[in-house]
Amino acid sequence: MRACLARWVRGLPLTALASRGGLGYRIEAVKKKAALFASAALLLIACDDPAPTPAPVASAASATSSPAPAVASAAARPSATAAATAAATAAAATPSLQVLRLTLTSEVKQKEPVDELKEAGPGQRVWAHLALRNRSPDARRVSVTFKVDGDERSTVDLQVASSWSFRTWAYNTLRAGDKSGELTVEVRDDAGSIIGQAKLPIKATAAKKAAPAK
């Protein structure tokens, strides 16, 4: 603004500031000074340098909250479903029908074997005494198969009631010509799986009785 006024004053002629009369000169000078100041004021208004436009203040960047790094949670506790699945798997691993004891004996009395054979001879009756555990709520079927040297001689189906310890038995009589070889007894469940097996050597001079079963 001062620079603009200075340029305007420098442009005025010196004669504009002087007058030829004495008093009239002063009056005229005063008038001219007043006009000069009025013009200067108008000039100030007209020539005033525009105020510098303030630089736009950069708005603070909105803080973008970056997602906090995921914190690894503690190992999840096994859900009820997982526990139930584990229990079902454990139950499936334990057979519902088990052979607790399989005894080959010469006779069964009062639901118990009277002895335990160590060998068998021609024409001898061999009993297979079973103690089974049936954990299912219903009765199950087992099959007892007698074989001599792999040749099937007989198969007996038995019903096993739901029980913690169920006793049952079956027998087979060796032929007169069975003087050697081996007698095998296999116990299968109703799915056809072998759940028990016992073997007995066959000898021509085998004793008919053996030591009492323990």
N, C-alpha and C. Protein backbone atom coordinates (compact mmCIF):
# COMPACT_ATOMS: atom_id res chain seq x y z
N MET A 1 0.83 -1.20 0.00
CA MET A 1 0.00 0.00 0.00
C MET A 1 0.87 1.25 0.00
N ARG A 2 1.94 1.29 0.80
CA ARG A 2 2.83 2.45 0.82
C ARG A 2 3.53 2.62 -0.52
N ALA A 3 3.89 1.55 -1.11
CA ALA A 3 4.56 1.65 -2.42
C ALA A 3 3.63 2.23 -3.44
N CYS A 4 2.33 1.90 -3.40
CA CYS A 4 1.35 2.45 -4.35
C CYS A 4 1.21 3.95 -4.15
N LEU A 5 1.13 4.44 -2.88
CA LEU A 5 1.00 5.87 -2.59
C LEU A 5 2.24 6.62 -3.03
N ALA A 6 3.40 5.98 -2.78
CA ALA A 6 4.65 6.65 -3.17
C ALA A 6 4.69 6.82 -4.67
N ARG A 7 4.27 5.85 -5.42
CA ARG A 7 4.27 6.00 -6.87
C ARG A 7 3.34 7.12 -7.33
N TRP A 8 2.18 7.24 -6.66
CA TRP A 8 1.22 8.29 -7.07
C TRP A 8 1.76 9.69 -6.77
N VAL A 9 2.40 9.87 -5.59
CA VAL A 9 2.94 11.19 -5.21
C VAL A 9 4.05 11.58 -6.14
N ARG A 10 4.93 10.57 -6.47
CA ARG A 10 6.03 10.90 -7.37
C ARG A 10 5.52 11.31 -8.74
N GLY A 11 4.34 10.90 -9.10
CA GLY A 11 3.82 11.25 -10.42
C GLY A 11 3.20 12.63 -10.49
N LEU A 12 2.95 13.29 -9.36
CA LEU A 12 2.36 14.64 -9.38
C LEU A 12 3.41 15.68 -9.81
N PRO A 13 3.02 16.74 -10.61
CA PRO A 13 3.96 17.83 -10.99
C PRO A 13 4.15 18.76 -9.81
N LEU A 14 5.31 19.34 -9.73
CA LEU A 14 5.60 20.24 -8.63
C LEU A 14 4.72 21.48 -8.65
N THR A 15 4.24 21.86 -9.79
CA THR A 15 3.40 23.06 -9.89
C THR A 15 2.07 22.85 -9.24
N ALA A 16 1.69 21.62 -9.11
CA ALA A 16 0.40 21.37 -8.47
C ALA A 16 0.46 21.65 -7.00
N LEU A 17 1.68 21.75 -6.44
CA LEU A 17 1.82 21.99 -5.01
C LEU A 17 2.10 23.47 -4.71
N ALA A 18 2.18 24.37 -5.68
CA ALA A 18 2.52 25.80 -5.45
C ALA A 18 1.46 26.69 -6.07
N SER A 19 1.36 27.97 -5.54
CA SER A 19 0.39 28.95 -6.04
C SER A 19 1.08 30.30 -6.16
N ARG A 20 0.59 31.19 -7.06
CA ARG A 20 1.24 32.47 -7.30
C ARG A 20 0.88 33.52 -6.23
N GLY A 21 -0.33 33.53 -5.63
CA GLY A 21 -0.72 34.52 -4.62
C GLY A 21 -0.21 34.17 -3.26
N GLY A 22 -0.13 35.25 -2.35
CA GLY A 22 0.39 35.00 -1.01
C GLY A 22 -0.60 34.20 -0.20
N LEU A 23 -1.66 34.91 0.33
CA LEU A 23 -2.65 34.22 1.15
C LEU A 23 -3.43 33.22 0.33
N GLY A 24 -3.75 33.70 -0.88
CA GLY A 24 -4.49 32.77 -1.74
C GLY A 24 -3.69 31.52 -2.02
N TYR A 25 -2.42 31.73 -2.06
CA TYR A 25 -1.57 30.54 -2.26
C TYR A 25 -1.72 29.55 -1.13
N ARG A 26 -1.72 30.13 0.11
CA ARG A 26 -1.82 29.24 1.27
C ARG A 26 -3.16 28.55 1.28
N ILE A 27 -4.24 29.38 1.01
CA ILE A 27 -5.56 28.76 1.01
C ILE A 27 -5.63 27.70 -0.08
N GLU A 28 -5.08 28.12 -1.23
CA GLU A 28 -5.11 27.17 -2.34
C GLU A 28 -4.25 25.95 -2.03
N ALA A 29 -3.18 26.19 -1.32
CA ALA A 29 -2.31 25.09 -0.97
C ALA A 29 -3.00 24.14 -0.01
N VAL A 30 -3.77 24.81 0.99
CA VAL A 30 -4.50 23.97 1.94
C VAL A 30 -5.53 23.15 1.21
N LYS A 31 -6.28 23.77 0.29
CA LYS A 31 -7.29 23.05 -0.48
C LYS A 31 -6.65 21.92 -1.28
N LYS A 32 -5.54 22.27 -1.85
CA LYS A 32 -4.87 21.24 -2.64
C LYS A 32 -4.36 20.10 -1.78
N LYS A 33 -3.88 20.49 -0.55
CA LYS A 33 -3.41 19.43 0.35
C LYS A 33 -4.57 18.54 0.77
N ALA A 34 -5.75 19.27 1.05
CA ALA A 34 -6.92 18.46 1.43
C ALA A 34 -7.34 17.53 0.32
N ALA A 35 -7.34 18.11 -0.89
CA ALA A 35 -7.70 17.28 -2.05
C ALA A 35 -6.68 16.17 -2.24
N LEU A 36 -5.43 16.57 -1.95
CA LEU A 36 -4.37 15.58 -2.09
C LEU A 36 -4.59 14.40 -1.14
N PHE A 37 -4.90 14.73 0.14
CA PHE A 37 -5.12 13.66 1.12
C PHE A 37 -6.35 12.86 0.79
N ALA A 38 -7.41 13.56 0.26
CA ALA A 38 -8.63 12.83 -0.13
C ALA A 38 -8.32 11.88 -1.27
N SER A 39 -7.55 12.40 -2.23
CA SER A 39 -7.19 11.52 -3.35
C SER A 39 -6.31 10.37 -2.89
N ALA A 40 -5.43 10.74 -1.90
CA ALA A 40 -4.56 9.68 -1.38
C ALA A 40 -5.38 8.61 -0.69
N ALA A 41 -6.45 9.04 0.05
CA ALA A 41 -7.29 8.07 0.74
C ALA A 41 -8.00 7.18 -0.25
N LEU A 42 -8.55 7.86 -1.34
CA LEU A 42 -9.20 7.06 -2.37
C LEU A 42 -8.21 6.11 -3.03
N LEU A 43 -6.98 6.66 -3.20
CA LEU A 43 -5.97 5.82 -3.82
C LEU A 43 -5.61 4.64 -2.93
N LEU A 44 -5.59 4.95 -1.62
CA LEU A 44 -5.29 3.87 -0.69
C LEU A 44 -6.32 2.76 -0.79
N ILE A 45 -7.59 3.21 -0.95
CA ILE A 45 -8.65 2.23 -1.04
C ILE A 45 -8.56 1.49 -2.37
N ALA A 46 -8.27 2.25 -3.47
CA ALA A 46 -8.25 1.65 -4.80
C ALA A 46 -7.01 0.83 -5.04
N CYS A 47 -5.86 1.32 -4.51
CA CYS A 47 -4.59 0.66 -4.82
C CYS A 47 -4.10 -0.25 -3.73
N ASP A 48 -4.91 -0.43 -2.71
CA ASP A 48 -4.44 -1.25 -1.58
C ASP A 48 -4.13 -2.65 -2.08
N ASP A 49 -2.93 -3.08 -1.79
CA ASP A 49 -2.56 -4.44 -2.20
C ASP A 49 -3.48 -5.44 -1.51
N PRO A 50 -3.97 -6.30 -2.27
CA PRO A 50 -4.85 -7.29 -1.64
C PRO A 50 -4.09 -8.10 -0.61
N ALA A 51 -4.82 -8.36 0.47
CA ALA A 51 -4.18 -9.15 1.53
C ALA A 51 -3.81 -10.52 0.98
N PRO A 52 -2.64 -10.89 1.30
CA PRO A 52 -2.23 -12.21 0.78
C PRO A 52 -3.20 -13.29 1.24
N THR A 53 -3.58 -14.07 0.25
CA THR A 53 -4.50 -15.17 0.57
C THR A 53 -3.77 -16.20 1.42
N PRO A 54 -4.31 -16.42 2.60
CA PRO A 54 -3.59 -17.38 3.47
C PRO A 54 -3.53 -18.77 2.82
N ALA A 55 -2.39 -19.32 2.93
CA ALA A 55 -2.22 -20.67 2.36
C ALA A 55 -3.17 -21.61 3.06
N PRO A 56 -3.84 -22.41 2.28
CA PRO A 56 -4.79 -23.35 2.91
C PRO A 56 -4.07 -24.24 3.91
N VAL A 57 -4.69 -24.23 5.07
CA VAL A 57 -4.11 -25.07 6.12
C VAL A 57 -4.44 -26.51 5.81
N ALA A 58 -3.40 -27.24 5.69
CA ALA A 58 -3.63 -28.68 5.39
C ALA A 58 -4.41 -29.30 6.53
N SER A 59 -5.54 -29.80 6.14
CA SER A 59 -6.36 -30.44 7.17
C SER A 59 -5.66 -31.69 7.66
N ALA A 60 -5.78 -31.85 8.92
CA ALA A 60 -5.12 -33.03 9.49
C ALA A 60 -5.71 -34.28 8.88
N ALA A 61 -4.82 -35.07 8.42
CA ALA A 61 -5.30 -36.33 7.81
C ALA A 61 -6.06 -37.11 8.85
N SER A 62 -7.24 -37.48 8.41
CA SER A 62 -8.05 -38.26 9.37
C SER A 62 -7.30 -39.52 9.71
N ALA A 63 -7.14 -39.69 10.97
CA ALA A 63 -6.39 -40.86 11.42
C ALA A 63 -7.19 -42.10 11.10
N THR A 64 -6.63 -42.84 10.21
CA THR A 64 -7.28 -44.13 9.87
C THR A 64 -6.78 -45.17 10.83
N SER A 65 -7.68 -45.58 11.63
CA SER A 65 -7.26 -46.56 12.63
C SER A 65 -7.03 -47.89 11.94
N SER A 66 -5.77 -48.24 11.87
CA SER A 66 -5.47 -49.54 11.27
C SER A 66 -5.86 -50.62 12.24
N PRO A 67 -6.39 -51.68 11.70
CA PRO A 67 -6.83 -52.75 12.60
C PRO A 67 -5.68 -53.28 13.42
N ALA A 68 -5.96 -53.42 14.69
CA ALA A 68 -4.93 -53.94 15.58
C ALA A 68 -4.59 -55.36 15.17
N PRO A 69 -3.32 -55.69 15.27
CA PRO A 69 -2.96 -57.06 14.89
C PRO A 69 -3.74 -58.07 15.72
N ALA A 70 -4.19 -59.06 15.03
CA ALA A 70 -5.00 -60.08 15.73
C ALA A 70 -4.16 -60.75 16.77
N VAL A 71 -4.70 -60.81 17.94
CA VAL A 71 -3.99 -61.46 19.03
C VAL A 71 -4.44 -62.90 19.09
N ALA A 72 -3.50 -63.75 19.02
CA ALA A 72 -3.85 -65.17 19.03
C ALA A 72 -4.56 -65.49 20.33
N SER A 73 -5.77 -65.98 20.19
CA SER A 73 -6.53 -66.33 21.38
C SER A 73 -5.99 -67.62 21.96
N ALA A 74 -6.28 -67.79 23.20
CA ALA A 74 -5.85 -69.03 23.85
C ALA A 74 -6.54 -70.20 23.20
N ALA A 75 -5.94 -71.36 23.32
CA ALA A 75 -6.52 -72.56 22.70
C ALA A 75 -7.95 -72.73 23.18
N ALA A 76 -8.82 -72.87 22.18
CA ALA A 76 -10.24 -72.99 22.51
C ALA A 76 -10.48 -74.26 23.30
N ARG A 77 -11.36 -74.13 24.28
CA ARG A 77 -11.70 -75.31 25.05
C ARG A 77 -12.54 -76.25 24.21
N PRO A 78 -12.39 -77.51 24.41
CA PRO A 78 -13.19 -78.46 23.61
C PRO A 78 -14.67 -78.19 23.81
N SER A 79 -15.38 -78.06 22.71
CA SER A 79 -16.82 -77.82 22.78
C SER A 79 -17.53 -79.09 23.21
N ALA A 80 -18.83 -78.92 23.54
CA ALA A 80 -19.62 -80.07 23.94
C ALA A 80 -19.71 -81.08 22.81
N THR A 81 -19.78 -80.56 21.57
CA THR A 81 -19.85 -81.46 20.41
C THR A 81 -18.57 -82.27 20.28
N ALA A 82 -17.42 -81.58 20.46
CA ALA A 82 -16.14 -82.29 20.36
C ALA A 82 -16.02 -83.34 21.45
N ALA A 83 -16.50 -82.99 22.67
CA ALA A 83 -16.44 -83.96 23.77
C ALA A 83 -17.32 -85.16 23.49
N ALA A 84 -18.52 -84.88 22.92
CA ALA A 84 -19.42 -85.98 22.60
C ALA A 84 -18.82 -86.87 21.51
N THR A 85 -18.17 -86.22 20.51
CA THR A 85 -17.53 -87.00 19.44
C THR A 85 -16.42 -87.88 19.99
N ALA A 86 -15.62 -87.30 20.91
CA ALA A 86 -14.54 -88.08 21.51
C ALA A 86 -15.08 -89.26 22.30
N ALA A 87 -16.20 -89.01 23.03
CA ALA A 87 -16.80 -90.10 23.81
C ALA A 87 -17.32 -91.19 22.89
N ALA A 88 -17.95 -90.77 21.77
CA ALA A 88 -18.48 -91.76 20.83
C ALA A 88 -17.35 -92.57 20.20
N THR A 89 -16.22 -91.87 19.89
CA THR A 89 -15.07 -92.57 19.32
C THR A 89 -14.50 -93.58 20.30
N ALA A 90 -14.42 -93.15 21.58
CA ALA A 90 -13.91 -94.06 22.60
C ALA A 90 -14.82 -95.27 22.77
N ALA A 91 -16.14 -95.00 22.71
CA ALA A 91 -17.10 -96.11 22.84
C ALA A 91 -17.00 -97.06 21.66
N ALA A 92 -16.78 -96.48 20.44
CA ALA A 92 -16.66 -97.33 19.26
C ALA A 92 -15.39 -98.16 19.32
N ALA A 93 -14.32 -97.59 19.96
CA ALA A 93 -13.07 -98.34 20.05
C ALA A 93 -13.21 -99.54 20.96
N THR A 94 -14.13 -99.47 21.93
CA THR A 94 -14.36 -100.60 22.84
C THR A 94 -15.49 -101.45 22.30
N PRO A 95 -15.23 -102.70 21.94
CA PRO A 95 -16.30 -103.53 21.37
C PRO A 95 -17.42 -103.75 22.38
N SER A 96 -18.65 -103.73 21.90
CA SER A 96 -19.79 -103.93 22.79
C SER A 96 -19.97 -105.39 23.17
N LEU A 97 -19.34 -106.29 22.40
CA LEU A 97 -19.43 -107.73 22.69
C LEU A 97 -18.02 -108.27 22.82
N GLN A 98 -17.68 -108.78 24.00
CA GLN A 98 -16.32 -109.24 24.28
C GLN A 98 -16.34 -110.65 24.85
N VAL A 99 -15.30 -111.40 24.51
CA VAL A 99 -15.09 -112.70 25.12
C VAL A 99 -14.16 -112.48 26.31
N LEU A 100 -14.70 -112.71 27.49
CA LEU A 100 -13.89 -112.56 28.70
C LEU A 100 -13.03 -113.80 28.94
N ARG A 101 -13.60 -114.97 28.62
CA ARG A 101 -12.87 -116.22 28.86
C ARG A 101 -13.38 -117.29 27.92
N LEU A 102 -12.47 -118.03 27.33
CA LEU A 102 -12.80 -119.16 26.45
C LEU A 102 -12.01 -120.37 26.95
N THR A 103 -12.74 -121.38 27.39
CA THR A 103 -12.11 -122.56 27.97
C THR A 103 -12.54 -123.80 27.20
N LEU A 104 -11.59 -124.61 26.77
CA LEU A 104 -11.88 -125.90 26.15
C LEU A 104 -11.82 -126.95 27.25
N THR A 105 -12.97 -127.61 27.48
CA THR A 105 -13.09 -128.51 28.62
C THR A 105 -13.76 -129.83 28.21
N SER A 106 -13.63 -130.81 29.07
CA SER A 106 -14.24 -132.12 28.78
C SER A 106 -15.70 -132.19 29.24
N GLU A 107 -16.12 -131.21 30.04
CA GLU A 107 -17.50 -131.23 30.51
C GLU A 107 -17.84 -129.89 31.16
N VAL A 108 -19.16 -129.57 31.14
CA VAL A 108 -19.65 -128.35 31.80
C VAL A 108 -20.68 -128.76 32.83
N LYS A 109 -20.47 -128.33 34.08
CA LYS A 109 -21.42 -128.61 35.16
C LYS A 109 -21.72 -127.30 35.90
N GLN A 110 -23.01 -127.12 36.17
CA GLN A 110 -23.46 -125.92 36.87
C GLN A 110 -22.90 -124.64 36.22
N LYS A 111 -22.97 -124.67 34.90
CA LYS A 111 -22.58 -123.52 34.07
C LYS A 111 -21.09 -123.19 34.13
N GLU A 112 -20.29 -124.13 34.62
CA GLU A 112 -18.86 -123.89 34.70
C GLU A 112 -18.10 -125.09 34.14
N PRO A 113 -16.93 -124.84 33.54
CA PRO A 113 -16.13 -125.97 33.04
C PRO A 113 -15.55 -126.76 34.21
N VAL A 114 -15.52 -128.11 34.04
CA VAL A 114 -14.99 -128.94 35.12
C VAL A 114 -13.47 -129.04 35.05
N ASP A 115 -12.90 -128.76 33.88
CA ASP A 115 -11.46 -128.82 33.72
C ASP A 115 -11.05 -127.97 32.53
N GLU A 116 -9.77 -128.00 32.24
CA GLU A 116 -9.25 -127.30 31.07
C GLU A 116 -8.34 -128.25 30.31
N LEU A 117 -8.78 -128.63 29.11
CA LEU A 117 -8.03 -129.60 28.32
C LEU A 117 -6.72 -129.00 27.80
N LYS A 118 -5.71 -129.83 27.79
CA LYS A 118 -4.42 -129.46 27.20
C LYS A 118 -4.21 -130.15 25.86
N GLU A 119 -4.98 -131.21 25.63
CA GLU A 119 -4.96 -131.96 24.37
C GLU A 119 -6.24 -132.75 24.27
N ALA A 120 -6.53 -133.24 23.06
CA ALA A 120 -7.75 -134.04 22.83
C ALA A 120 -7.39 -135.29 22.04
N GLY A 121 -8.27 -136.35 22.14
CA GLY A 121 -7.99 -137.61 21.44
C GLY A 121 -9.16 -138.00 20.55
N PRO A 122 -9.00 -139.08 19.77
CA PRO A 122 -10.04 -139.55 18.85
C PRO A 122 -11.35 -139.84 19.58
N GLY A 123 -12.45 -139.41 19.02
CA GLY A 123 -13.77 -139.69 19.56
C GLY A 123 -14.11 -138.89 20.82
N GLN A 124 -13.28 -137.97 21.21
CA GLN A 124 -13.53 -137.23 22.45
C GLN A 124 -14.47 -136.04 22.19
N ARG A 125 -15.38 -135.78 23.13
CA ARG A 125 -16.24 -134.59 23.07
C ARG A 125 -15.50 -133.43 23.73
N VAL A 126 -15.40 -132.34 22.98
CA VAL A 126 -14.71 -131.15 23.48
C VAL A 126 -15.73 -130.03 23.59
N TRP A 127 -15.80 -129.46 24.78
CA TRP A 127 -16.72 -128.36 25.03
C TRP A 127 -15.95 -127.03 24.97
N ALA A 128 -16.61 -126.05 24.38
CA ALA A 128 -16.08 -124.68 24.40
C ALA A 128 -16.96 -123.88 25.34
N HIS A 129 -16.41 -123.52 26.49
CA HIS A 129 -17.16 -122.75 27.49
C HIS A 129 -16.78 -121.27 27.36
N LEU A 130 -17.80 -120.43 27.28
CA LEU A 130 -17.57 -119.00 27.03
C LEU A 130 -18.14 -118.16 28.17
N ALA A 131 -17.37 -117.14 28.54
CA ALA A 131 -17.87 -116.07 29.41
C ALA A 131 -17.75 -114.79 28.59
N LEU A 132 -18.91 -114.15 28.31
CA LEU A 132 -18.94 -112.99 27.41
C LEU A 132 -19.54 -111.78 28.12
N ARG A 133 -19.15 -110.63 27.62
CA ARG A 133 -19.71 -109.36 28.10
C ARG A 133 -20.42 -108.68 26.93
N ASN A 134 -21.72 -108.47 27.11
CA ASN A 134 -22.52 -107.82 26.08
C ASN A 134 -22.96 -106.46 26.62
N ARG A 135 -22.35 -105.39 26.12
CA ARG A 135 -22.66 -104.04 26.61
C ARG A 135 -23.84 -103.40 25.88
N SER A 136 -24.29 -104.01 24.81
CA SER A 136 -25.43 -103.46 24.08
C SER A 136 -26.71 -103.78 24.85
N PRO A 137 -27.78 -102.98 24.66
CA PRO A 137 -29.02 -103.22 25.41
C PRO A 137 -29.79 -104.45 24.94
N ASP A 138 -29.48 -104.95 23.76
CA ASP A 138 -30.21 -106.09 23.20
C ASP A 138 -29.33 -107.33 23.17
N ALA A 139 -29.97 -108.47 23.01
CA ALA A 139 -29.24 -109.73 22.90
C ALA A 139 -28.44 -109.73 21.59
N ARG A 140 -27.28 -110.38 21.65
CA ARG A 140 -26.43 -110.49 20.47
C ARG A 140 -26.18 -111.97 20.18
N ARG A 141 -25.79 -112.22 18.94
CA ARG A 141 -25.53 -113.59 18.52
C ARG A 141 -24.04 -113.80 18.34
N VAL A 142 -23.56 -114.95 18.80
CA VAL A 142 -22.19 -115.36 18.54
C VAL A 142 -22.23 -116.74 17.87
N SER A 143 -21.21 -116.99 17.08
CA SER A 143 -21.10 -118.29 16.39
C SER A 143 -19.81 -118.96 16.84
N VAL A 144 -19.91 -120.21 17.25
CA VAL A 144 -18.75 -120.98 17.69
C VAL A 144 -18.47 -122.05 16.62
N THR A 145 -17.31 -121.96 15.99
CA THR A 145 -16.96 -122.86 14.90
C THR A 145 -15.80 -123.78 15.33
N PHE A 146 -15.99 -125.07 15.12
CA PHE A 146 -14.96 -126.06 15.43
C PHE A 146 -14.30 -126.48 14.13
N LYS A 147 -12.96 -126.46 14.09
CA LYS A 147 -12.20 -126.86 12.90
C LYS A 147 -11.10 -127.83 13.32
N VAL A 148 -10.85 -128.80 12.43
CA VAL A 148 -9.73 -129.72 12.63
C VAL A 148 -8.81 -129.55 11.43
N ASP A 149 -7.60 -129.08 11.73
CA ASP A 149 -6.62 -128.80 10.67
C ASP A 149 -7.21 -127.90 9.58
N GLY A 150 -8.00 -126.91 9.98
CA GLY A 150 -8.58 -125.96 9.03
C GLY A 150 -9.87 -126.41 8.41
N ASP A 151 -10.26 -127.68 8.60
CA ASP A 151 -11.49 -128.21 8.04
C ASP A 151 -12.64 -127.98 9.03
N GLU A 152 -13.66 -127.27 8.60
CA GLU A 152 -14.77 -126.96 9.50
C GLU A 152 -15.59 -128.21 9.78
N ARG A 153 -15.79 -128.45 11.08
CA ARG A 153 -16.57 -129.61 11.48
C ARG A 153 -18.00 -129.23 11.89
N SER A 154 -18.15 -128.15 12.60
CA SER A 154 -19.50 -127.72 13.01
C SER A 154 -19.45 -126.24 13.43
N THR A 155 -20.64 -125.60 13.34
CA THR A 155 -20.81 -124.21 13.79
C THR A 155 -22.09 -124.15 14.62
N VAL A 156 -21.97 -123.58 15.80
CA VAL A 156 -23.11 -123.46 16.71
C VAL A 156 -23.37 -121.99 16.99
N ASP A 157 -24.63 -121.56 16.76
CA ASP A 157 -25.02 -120.17 17.04
C ASP A 157 -25.60 -120.09 18.46
N LEU A 158 -25.15 -119.07 19.20
CA LEU A 158 -25.59 -118.89 20.59
C LEU A 158 -26.08 -117.45 20.78
N GLN A 159 -27.11 -117.28 21.59
CA GLN A 159 -27.62 -115.96 21.93
C GLN A 159 -26.99 -115.50 23.24
N VAL A 160 -26.53 -114.25 23.22
CA VAL A 160 -25.89 -113.67 24.40
C VAL A 160 -26.72 -112.49 24.86
N ALA A 161 -27.32 -112.60 26.02
CA ALA A 161 -28.15 -111.52 26.56
C ALA A 161 -27.27 -110.36 27.01
N SER A 162 -27.92 -109.21 27.16
CA SER A 162 -27.19 -108.05 27.67
C SER A 162 -26.74 -108.34 29.09
N SER A 163 -25.43 -108.37 29.29
CA SER A 163 -24.92 -108.80 30.60
C SER A 163 -23.46 -108.38 30.73
N TRP A 164 -23.06 -108.20 31.98
CA TRP A 164 -21.65 -107.90 32.25
C TRP A 164 -20.80 -109.16 32.16
N SER A 165 -21.43 -110.31 32.46
CA SER A 165 -20.73 -111.59 32.33
C SER A 165 -21.77 -112.68 32.06
N PHE A 166 -21.84 -113.10 30.80
CA PHE A 166 -22.84 -114.09 30.37
C PHE A 166 -22.11 -115.38 30.01
N ARG A 167 -22.57 -116.50 30.56
CA ARG A 167 -21.93 -117.79 30.32
C ARG A 167 -22.76 -118.64 29.36
N THR A 168 -22.10 -119.24 28.42
CA THR A 168 -22.74 -120.15 27.46
C THR A 168 -21.68 -121.11 26.94
N TRP A 169 -22.12 -122.16 26.23
CA TRP A 169 -21.16 -123.18 25.78
C TRP A 169 -21.70 -123.96 24.57
N ALA A 170 -20.79 -124.63 23.90
CA ALA A 170 -21.10 -125.49 22.75
C ALA A 170 -20.05 -126.60 22.74
N TYR A 171 -20.34 -127.68 21.99
CA TYR A 171 -19.37 -128.78 21.97
C TYR A 171 -19.31 -129.39 20.58
N ASN A 172 -18.25 -130.18 20.36
CA ASN A 172 -18.06 -130.95 19.14
C ASN A 172 -17.32 -132.24 19.51
N THR A 173 -17.72 -133.33 18.86
CA THR A 173 -17.09 -134.63 19.13
C THR A 173 -16.13 -134.96 18.00
N LEU A 174 -14.91 -135.21 18.37
CA LEU A 174 -13.90 -135.55 17.37
C LEU A 174 -14.23 -136.91 16.75
N ARG A 175 -13.80 -137.11 15.54
CA ARG A 175 -14.01 -138.37 14.85
C ARG A 175 -13.01 -139.42 15.34
N ALA A 176 -13.34 -140.65 15.05
CA ALA A 176 -12.44 -141.74 15.46
C ALA A 176 -11.12 -141.67 14.72
N GLY A 177 -11.14 -141.10 13.57
CA GLY A 177 -9.91 -141.02 12.79
C GLY A 177 -9.07 -139.79 13.12
N ASP A 178 -9.58 -138.94 14.01
CA ASP A 178 -8.79 -137.74 14.39
C ASP A 178 -7.77 -138.14 15.44
N LYS A 179 -6.60 -138.51 14.94
CA LYS A 179 -5.54 -138.96 15.84
C LYS A 179 -4.35 -138.00 15.90
N SER A 180 -4.41 -136.99 15.06
CA SER A 180 -3.33 -135.98 15.05
C SER A 180 -3.90 -134.68 14.49
N GLY A 181 -3.07 -133.70 14.55
CA GLY A 181 -3.51 -132.41 14.01
C GLY A 181 -3.85 -131.42 15.14
N GLU A 182 -4.73 -130.55 14.82
CA GLU A 182 -5.04 -129.50 15.78
C GLU A 182 -6.52 -129.12 15.70
N LEU A 183 -7.13 -128.98 16.84
CA LEU A 183 -8.51 -128.51 16.91
C LEU A 183 -8.48 -127.01 17.18
N THR A 184 -9.20 -126.27 16.35
CA THR A 184 -9.29 -124.81 16.51
C THR A 184 -10.74 -124.43 16.75
N VAL A 185 -10.95 -123.58 17.72
CA VAL A 185 -12.29 -123.05 18.03
C VAL A 185 -12.27 -121.54 17.81
N GLU A 186 -13.16 -121.06 16.93
CA GLU A 186 -13.27 -119.63 16.65
C GLU A 186 -14.62 -119.11 17.10
N VAL A 187 -14.62 -117.95 17.72
CA VAL A 187 -15.86 -117.30 18.17
C VAL A 187 -16.00 -116.00 17.37
N ARG A 188 -17.13 -115.90 16.66
CA ARG A 188 -17.39 -114.71 15.85
C ARG A 188 -18.64 -114.00 16.36
N ASP A 189 -18.65 -112.67 16.25
CA ASP A 189 -19.84 -111.91 16.63
C ASP A 189 -20.81 -111.88 15.47
N ASP A 190 -21.94 -111.16 15.64
CA ASP A 190 -22.96 -111.14 14.60
C ASP A 190 -22.55 -110.32 13.39
N ALA A 191 -21.40 -109.67 13.44
CA ALA A 191 -20.87 -108.97 12.27
C ALA A 191 -19.84 -109.81 11.53
N GLY A 192 -19.56 -111.00 12.05
CA GLY A 192 -18.63 -111.91 11.39
C GLY A 192 -17.19 -111.74 11.82
N SER A 193 -16.93 -110.87 12.81
CA SER A 193 -15.56 -110.64 13.27
C SER A 193 -15.18 -111.67 14.33
N ILE A 194 -13.95 -112.13 14.26
CA ILE A 194 -13.46 -113.07 15.26
C ILE A 194 -13.18 -112.31 16.55
N ILE A 195 -13.83 -112.72 17.63
CA ILE A 195 -13.63 -112.06 18.92
C ILE A 195 -12.98 -112.99 19.95
N GLY A 196 -12.77 -114.23 19.56
CA GLY A 196 -12.12 -115.17 20.46
C GLY A 196 -11.64 -116.40 19.71
N GLN A 197 -10.55 -117.00 20.18
CA GLN A 197 -10.01 -118.19 19.50
C GLN A 197 -9.20 -119.02 20.50
N ALA A 198 -9.30 -120.33 20.34
CA ALA A 198 -8.51 -121.25 21.17
C ALA A 198 -8.11 -122.45 20.32
N LYS A 199 -6.96 -123.05 20.66
CA LYS A 199 -6.45 -124.20 19.90
C LYS A 199 -6.07 -125.32 20.86
N LEU A 200 -6.23 -126.54 20.32
CA LEU A 200 -5.96 -127.72 21.15
C LEU A 200 -5.31 -128.80 20.28
N PRO A 201 -4.15 -129.31 20.67
CA PRO A 201 -3.52 -130.39 19.88
C PRO A 201 -4.30 -131.70 20.01
N ILE A 202 -4.32 -132.47 18.92
CA ILE A 202 -5.00 -133.77 18.90
C ILE A 202 -3.94 -134.87 18.89
N LYS A 203 -4.07 -135.81 19.84
CA LYS A 203 -3.11 -136.91 19.93
C LYS A 203 -3.88 -138.23 20.08
N ALA A 204 -3.33 -139.25 19.51
CA ALA A 204 -4.00 -140.56 19.56
C ALA A 204 -4.09 -141.09 20.97
N THR A 205 -3.13 -140.74 21.82
CA THR A 205 -3.10 -141.26 23.19
C THR A 205 -3.47 -140.18 24.20
N ALA A 206 -4.24 -139.21 23.78
CA ALA A 206 -4.57 -138.10 24.69
C ALA A 206 -5.41 -138.59 25.84
N ALA A 207 -5.17 -138.01 27.01
CA ALA A 207 -5.94 -138.36 28.19
C ALA A 207 -7.36 -137.86 28.03
N LYS A 208 -8.30 -138.62 28.55
CA LYS A 208 -9.70 -138.23 28.43
C LYS A 208 -10.06 -137.09 29.38
N LYS A 209 -9.37 -137.00 30.49
CA LYS A 209 -9.63 -135.96 31.46
C LYS A 209 -8.37 -135.11 31.65
N ALA A 210 -8.56 -133.91 32.02
CA ALA A 210 -7.44 -133.03 32.29
C ALA A 210 -7.60 -132.46 33.67
N ALA A 211 -6.65 -131.63 34.05
CA ALA A 211 -6.70 -131.02 35.38
C ALA A 211 -7.91 -130.11 35.48
N PRO A 212 -8.49 -130.00 36.70
CA PRO A 212 -9.64 -129.13 36.87
C PRO A 212 -9.30 -127.71 36.45
N ALA A 213 -10.31 -127.08 35.87
CA ALA A 213 -10.09 -125.69 35.41
C ALA A 213 -9.96 -124.77 36.60
N LYS A 214 -9.08 -123.78 36.49
CA LYS A 214 -8.86 -122.81 37.57
C LYS A 214 -9.81 -121.62 37.37
